[in-house]
Amino acid sequence: MAKIFCIANQKGGVGKTTTTVNLAAGLAKVGQRVLMIDLDPQGNATMGSGIDKRQLETTVYDVLLESASVAEARVTAEKCGYDVLGANRELAGAEVEMVALDRREKRLRTALAAVGAEYDFILIDCPPSLSLLTLNGLCAAHGVIVPMQCEYFALEGLTDLVNTIKQVHANLNKNLQIIGLLRVMFDPRITLQQQVSEQLKGHFGDKVFDTVIPRNVRLAEAPSYGLPGVVFDPGAKGSQAFVAFAQELVEKMPPASALAAEAPVPVAPVAPVPMDPPTVTDQVPESP
């Protein structure tokens, strides 16, 4: 039975898609069977996995409307080593079409039940809004991995996300919990980022993953080649960090059956505290 995780954050531009595709590629590198689901109509995770969204005959849109199964709609990202349930602009219309349908929040969960035994991990890339698409992802998942930058406004966005997860847990998915917070685009030269990182560890404890993803230019370049950074440049610092994160996830996660039975750990909203003005040391050019 697959462990199903949403990669979500209601704040935009925090690296959700970069995290999803690189974690999927990292998990594949350490021997896991992975399905990556793109729930964002922009289709960036699809394109970033080497799949041309314009050429897809069936997508997650068809799965949500129950005109195709996951097995029929998925494609294999040959260079990346994982399967993709892709998305394109059609998905934007799914929200309107699903409003009047039965079980509109749980259609993805129903569809994934048929293929859960074929994978070790299913990763869902969610759009940066609390939409019907995001709700489908949250209802299907065992938990949420939250990528976040160590910046002041990110703490406020985290408060909103924690409250959303609590609401979904109370009303739609009793298994949903926060799996962990992943610090991304981290630059240790910036004092503010170090302070926010310490505050996260102090508040959330072991819910903060040990692995930290550094700010890395090769990860930013990889999507223009239609590949995750882990595949595009395996030797880059960011790529190695994602493989380390994949290994950490594999080692720390209990079986999916245990995740489903586990009561969610209550997580209080973060109360941002005043920080000293950020200071940046001499800016040295970043090595790949």
Protein backbone atom coordinates (compact mmCIF):
# COMPACT_ATOMS: atom_id res chain seq x y z
CA MET A 1 0.00 0.00 0.00
CA ALA A 2 1.44 3.36 -1.06
CA LYS A 3 2.18 6.23 1.28
CA ILE A 4 0.32 9.21 -0.20
CA PHE A 5 1.71 12.67 0.51
CA CYS A 6 0.61 16.11 -0.67
CA ILE A 7 3.30 18.70 -1.25
CA ALA A 8 1.40 21.81 -0.22
CA ASN A 9 1.76 25.37 0.94
CA GLN A 10 -0.82 28.12 0.49
CA LYS A 11 1.97 30.61 -0.09
CA GLY A 12 3.12 30.75 -3.71
CA GLY A 13 6.71 30.62 -4.93
CA VAL A 14 8.06 28.39 -2.16
CA GLY A 15 9.24 25.55 -4.39
CA LYS A 16 6.34 23.08 -4.20
CA THR A 17 6.77 21.82 -7.75
CA THR A 18 10.56 21.74 -7.51
CA THR A 19 10.21 19.73 -4.29
CA THR A 20 7.66 17.33 -5.81
CA VAL A 21 9.61 16.40 -8.95
CA ASN A 22 12.99 16.22 -7.22
CA LEU A 23 11.65 14.18 -4.32
CA ALA A 24 9.99 11.81 -6.81
CA ALA A 25 13.28 11.44 -8.69
CA GLY A 26 15.20 11.05 -5.42
CA LEU A 27 12.85 8.33 -4.20
CA ALA A 28 13.20 6.53 -7.55
CA LYS A 29 17.01 6.71 -7.18
CA VAL A 30 16.85 4.98 -3.80
CA GLY A 31 14.76 2.16 -5.23
CA GLN A 32 11.18 3.24 -4.51
CA ARG A 33 8.20 2.86 -6.86
CA VAL A 34 6.75 6.35 -7.29
CA LEU A 35 3.68 7.95 -8.86
CA MET A 36 3.74 11.75 -9.16
CA ILE A 37 0.37 13.48 -9.57
CA ASP A 38 0.15 17.01 -10.95
CA LEU A 39 -2.94 18.78 -9.57
CA ASP A 40 -1.94 22.23 -10.84
CA PRO A 41 -3.55 23.36 -14.14
CA GLN A 42 -0.27 25.02 -15.10
CA GLY A 43 1.19 21.54 -15.54
CA ASN A 44 4.67 22.55 -14.39
CA ALA A 45 5.34 19.27 -12.57
CA THR A 46 4.32 17.40 -15.72
CA MET A 47 6.68 19.41 -17.94
CA GLY A 48 9.41 19.26 -15.29
CA SER A 49 9.28 15.46 -15.47
CA GLY A 50 9.97 15.44 -19.19
CA ILE A 51 6.33 14.92 -20.23
CA ASP A 52 4.85 17.29 -22.83
CA LYS A 53 1.49 18.29 -21.34
CA ARG A 54 0.20 19.34 -24.77
CA GLN A 55 0.60 15.80 -26.09
CA LEU A 56 -1.27 14.04 -23.27
CA GLU A 57 -4.43 12.27 -24.41
CA THR A 58 -5.67 11.59 -20.87
CA THR A 59 -4.78 13.51 -17.71
CA VAL A 60 -5.78 13.84 -14.07
CA TYR A 61 -8.75 15.85 -15.40
CA ASP A 62 -10.20 12.67 -16.92
CA VAL A 63 -9.51 10.75 -13.70
CA LEU A 64 -11.36 13.33 -11.57
CA LEU A 65 -14.35 13.24 -13.92
CA GLU A 66 -14.17 9.42 -13.89
CA SER A 67 -13.85 9.11 -17.66
CA ALA A 68 -10.47 7.34 -17.26
CA SER A 69 -8.71 5.34 -14.56
CA VAL A 70 -5.29 6.18 -13.11
CA ALA A 71 -3.86 3.14 -14.92
CA GLU A 72 -5.16 4.49 -18.24
CA ALA A 73 -4.06 8.09 -17.70
CA ARG A 74 -0.57 7.66 -16.19
CA VAL A 75 2.58 7.80 -18.29
CA THR A 76 6.14 6.83 -17.43
CA ALA A 77 8.82 9.51 -17.22
CA GLU A 78 11.56 7.32 -18.67
CA LYS A 79 14.55 9.48 -17.75
CA CYS A 80 13.24 10.18 -14.25
CA GLY A 81 12.28 6.67 -13.17
CA TYR A 82 8.74 7.36 -11.96
CA ASP A 83 5.17 7.43 -13.29
CA VAL A 84 3.29 10.68 -13.89
CA LEU A 85 -0.41 11.44 -13.77
CA GLY A 86 -0.13 14.68 -15.69
CA ALA A 87 -2.12 17.89 -15.96
CA ASN A 88 -2.70 20.64 -18.49
CA ARG A 89 -4.97 23.67 -18.90
CA GLU A 90 -8.05 21.43 -19.13
CA LEU A 91 -7.75 20.88 -15.39
CA ALA A 92 -8.81 24.47 -14.72
CA GLY A 93 -12.30 23.57 -15.96
CA ALA A 94 -12.57 20.54 -13.70
CA GLU A 95 -13.36 22.64 -10.63
CA VAL A 96 -16.43 24.14 -12.29
CA GLU A 97 -17.55 20.78 -13.62
CA MET A 98 -17.12 18.99 -10.29
CA VAL A 99 -19.15 21.47 -8.22
CA ALA A 100 -22.43 19.68 -8.94
CA LEU A 101 -21.03 16.15 -8.77
CA ASP A 102 -21.28 13.64 -5.93
CA ARG A 103 -18.17 12.98 -3.80
CA ARG A 104 -16.46 15.91 -5.44
CA GLU A 105 -13.75 16.19 -2.76
CA LYS A 106 -12.97 12.44 -2.70
CA ARG A 107 -12.72 11.50 -6.38
CA LEU A 108 -8.95 11.31 -6.39
CA ARG A 109 -8.94 9.12 -3.27
CA THR A 110 -11.35 6.68 -4.93
CA ALA A 111 -9.26 6.56 -8.11
CA LEU A 112 -5.98 5.95 -6.25
CA ALA A 113 -7.40 3.00 -4.32
CA ALA A 114 -7.11 0.90 -7.49
CA VAL A 115 -3.34 1.46 -7.89
CA GLY A 116 -2.17 1.91 -4.29
CA ALA A 117 -0.53 -1.53 -4.18
CA GLU A 118 1.63 -0.76 -7.24
CA TYR A 119 3.63 2.04 -5.58
CA ASP A 120 5.64 2.76 -2.47
CA PHE A 121 5.02 6.52 -2.62
CA ILE A 122 2.42 8.71 -4.33
CA LEU A 123 3.31 12.42 -4.35
CA ILE A 124 0.69 15.06 -5.16
CA ASP A 125 1.72 18.53 -6.33
CA CYS A 126 -1.02 20.92 -5.17
CA PRO A 127 -1.80 24.41 -6.48
CA PRO A 128 -1.10 27.33 -4.08
CA SER A 129 -4.74 27.86 -3.14
CA LEU A 130 -7.45 26.11 -1.18
CA SER A 131 -9.42 24.96 -4.21
CA LEU A 132 -11.46 21.86 -5.01
CA LEU A 133 -8.32 20.44 -6.61
CA THR A 134 -6.29 20.98 -3.43
CA LEU A 135 -9.11 19.45 -1.37
CA ASN A 136 -9.01 16.34 -3.56
CA GLY A 137 -5.31 16.05 -2.87
CA LEU A 138 -5.72 16.55 0.89
CA CYS A 139 -8.60 14.06 1.07
CA ALA A 140 -6.55 11.41 -0.74
CA ALA A 141 -3.38 11.84 1.33
CA HIS A 142 -2.05 10.35 4.53
CA GLY A 143 -0.22 13.57 5.21
CA VAL A 144 1.28 16.82 4.01
CA ILE A 145 4.92 17.68 3.38
CA VAL A 146 5.32 21.45 3.64
CA PRO A 147 8.20 23.05 1.73
CA MET A 148 8.94 26.48 3.12
CA GLN A 149 11.54 29.17 2.93
CA CYS A 150 12.97 30.40 6.20
CA GLU A 151 11.52 33.89 5.90
CA TYR A 152 9.19 35.93 8.09
CA PHE A 153 6.13 35.90 5.80
CA ALA A 154 6.48 32.14 5.34
CA LEU A 155 5.60 31.73 9.03
CA GLU A 156 2.29 33.52 8.51
CA GLY A 157 1.55 31.33 5.48
CA LEU A 158 2.32 28.27 7.59
CA THR A 159 -0.27 29.34 10.16
CA ASP A 160 -2.94 29.44 7.41
CA LEU A 161 -1.91 26.02 6.11
CA VAL A 162 -1.99 24.43 9.58
CA ASN A 163 -5.52 25.75 10.10
CA THR A 164 -6.59 24.39 6.69
CA ILE A 165 -5.17 20.95 7.51
CA LYS A 166 -7.05 20.96 10.82
CA GLN A 167 -10.31 21.76 9.03
CA VAL A 168 -9.83 19.05 6.42
CA HIS A 169 -8.88 16.57 9.16
CA ALA A 170 -12.01 17.42 11.15
CA ASN A 171 -14.44 17.26 8.25
CA LEU A 172 -13.12 15.22 5.33
CA ASN A 173 -10.03 13.09 6.10
CA LYS A 174 -9.42 11.77 9.61
CA ASN A 175 -6.01 10.37 8.58
CA LEU A 176 -4.54 13.70 7.47
CA GLN A 177 -1.56 14.99 9.40
CA ILE A 178 1.52 17.12 8.89
CA ILE A 179 4.32 14.74 7.95
CA GLY A 180 7.00 17.38 8.22
CA LEU A 181 8.39 20.76 7.23
CA LEU A 182 11.13 20.88 4.62
CA ARG A 183 13.40 23.93 4.64
CA VAL A 184 14.07 24.88 1.03
CA MET A 185 16.10 27.56 -0.80
CA PHE A 186 18.13 27.90 2.38
CA ASP A 187 21.05 30.32 2.47
CA PRO A 188 23.04 30.05 5.71
CA ARG A 189 24.70 33.42 5.02
CA ILE A 190 21.43 35.21 5.82
CA THR A 191 20.96 35.69 9.56
CA LEU A 192 17.16 35.90 9.31
CA GLN A 193 16.98 32.49 7.66
CA GLN A 194 19.04 30.99 10.46
CA GLN A 195 16.73 32.58 13.05
CA VAL A 196 13.53 31.35 11.36
CA SER A 197 15.05 27.88 10.99
CA GLU A 198 15.79 27.76 14.72
CA GLN A 199 12.29 28.99 15.52
CA LEU A 200 10.77 26.23 13.37
CA LYS A 201 12.87 23.55 15.09
CA GLY A 202 11.98 24.95 18.51
CA HIS A 203 8.26 25.02 17.76
CA PHE A 204 7.76 21.89 15.65
CA GLY A 205 10.57 19.69 16.98
CA ASP A 206 10.90 16.42 15.04
CA LYS A 207 8.28 17.59 12.55
CA VAL A 208 11.12 19.55 10.89
CA PHE A 209 13.08 17.29 8.56
CA ASP A 210 16.82 17.07 9.22
CA THR A 211 17.62 17.57 5.54
CA VAL A 212 17.89 21.18 4.35
CA ILE A 213 17.67 22.02 0.65
CA PRO A 214 20.17 24.77 -0.21
CA ARG A 215 19.56 27.55 -2.70
CA ASN A 216 21.09 26.09 -5.84
CA VAL A 217 21.22 27.41 -9.39
CA ARG A 218 21.23 23.94 -10.97
CA LEU A 219 17.83 23.15 -9.47
CA ALA A 220 16.50 26.38 -11.01
CA GLU A 221 17.99 25.56 -14.43
CA ALA A 222 16.71 21.98 -14.61
CA PRO A 223 13.03 22.72 -15.54
CA SER A 224 14.13 24.47 -18.76
CA TYR A 225 15.56 21.09 -19.80
CA GLY A 226 12.37 19.27 -18.79
CA LEU A 227 14.06 17.34 -16.00
CA PRO A 228 14.25 17.34 -12.19
CA GLY A 229 17.57 18.66 -10.89
CA VAL A 230 18.30 15.21 -9.43
CA VAL A 231 18.39 13.84 -13.01
CA PHE A 232 19.73 16.94 -14.78
CA ASP A 233 22.81 17.32 -12.57
CA PRO A 234 23.10 14.55 -9.95
CA GLY A 235 26.31 16.06 -8.58
CA ALA A 236 24.84 19.47 -7.72
CA LYS A 237 24.45 20.30 -4.03
CA GLY A 238 20.69 20.74 -4.36
CA SER A 239 20.31 17.38 -6.15
CA GLN A 240 22.32 15.57 -3.51
CA ALA A 241 20.20 17.20 -0.80
CA PHE A 242 16.98 15.91 -2.40
CA VAL A 243 18.37 12.37 -2.62
CA ALA A 244 19.32 12.65 1.07
CA PHE A 245 15.80 13.89 1.82
CA ALA A 246 14.31 10.92 -0.07
CA GLN A 247 16.46 8.56 1.99
CA GLU A 248 15.40 10.30 5.21
CA LEU A 249 11.73 9.96 4.23
CA VAL A 250 12.10 6.26 3.46
CA GLU A 251 13.85 5.59 6.78
CA LYS A 252 11.49 7.64 8.96
CA MET A 253 8.09 6.76 7.51
CA PRO A 254 6.15 3.84 8.99
CA PRO A 255 4.09 1.60 6.67
CA ALA A 256 1.06 3.22 5.06
CA SER A 257 -1.29 1.12 7.20
CA ALA A 258 0.34 2.56 10.33
CA LEU A 259 0.07 6.08 8.94
CA ALA A 260 -3.65 5.61 8.34
CA ALA A 261 -4.19 4.31 11.86
CA GLU A 262 -2.06 6.94 13.57
CA ALA A 263 -3.81 9.84 15.26
CA PRO A 264 -2.56 13.15 13.85
CA VAL A 265 -0.13 15.03 16.03
CA PRO A 266 -1.83 18.28 17.08
CA VAL A 267 0.10 21.23 15.74
CA ALA A 268 -0.55 24.70 17.11
CA PRO A 269 -0.40 27.62 14.68
CA VAL A 270 2.93 29.38 14.57
CA ALA A 271 3.05 32.73 16.31
CA PRO A 272 5.74 34.70 14.46
CA VAL A 273 8.03 36.57 16.81
CA PRO A 274 9.84 39.80 15.97
CA MET A 275 13.16 39.18 14.30
CA ASP A 276 16.28 41.26 14.11
CA PRO A 277 16.74 42.97 10.75
CA PRO A 278 18.25 40.48 8.29
CA THR A 279 21.96 40.76 7.70
CA VAL A 280 23.79 39.22 4.81
CA THR A 281 27.46 38.41 4.87
CA ASP A 282 29.66 39.01 1.86
CA GLN A 283 27.93 37.49 -1.13
CA VAL A 284 30.14 34.81 -2.60
CA PRO A 285 29.16 33.37 -5.98
CA GLU A 286 27.30 30.12 -5.42
CA SER A 287 28.97 26.94 -6.52
CA PRO A 288 26.75 24.47 -8.44
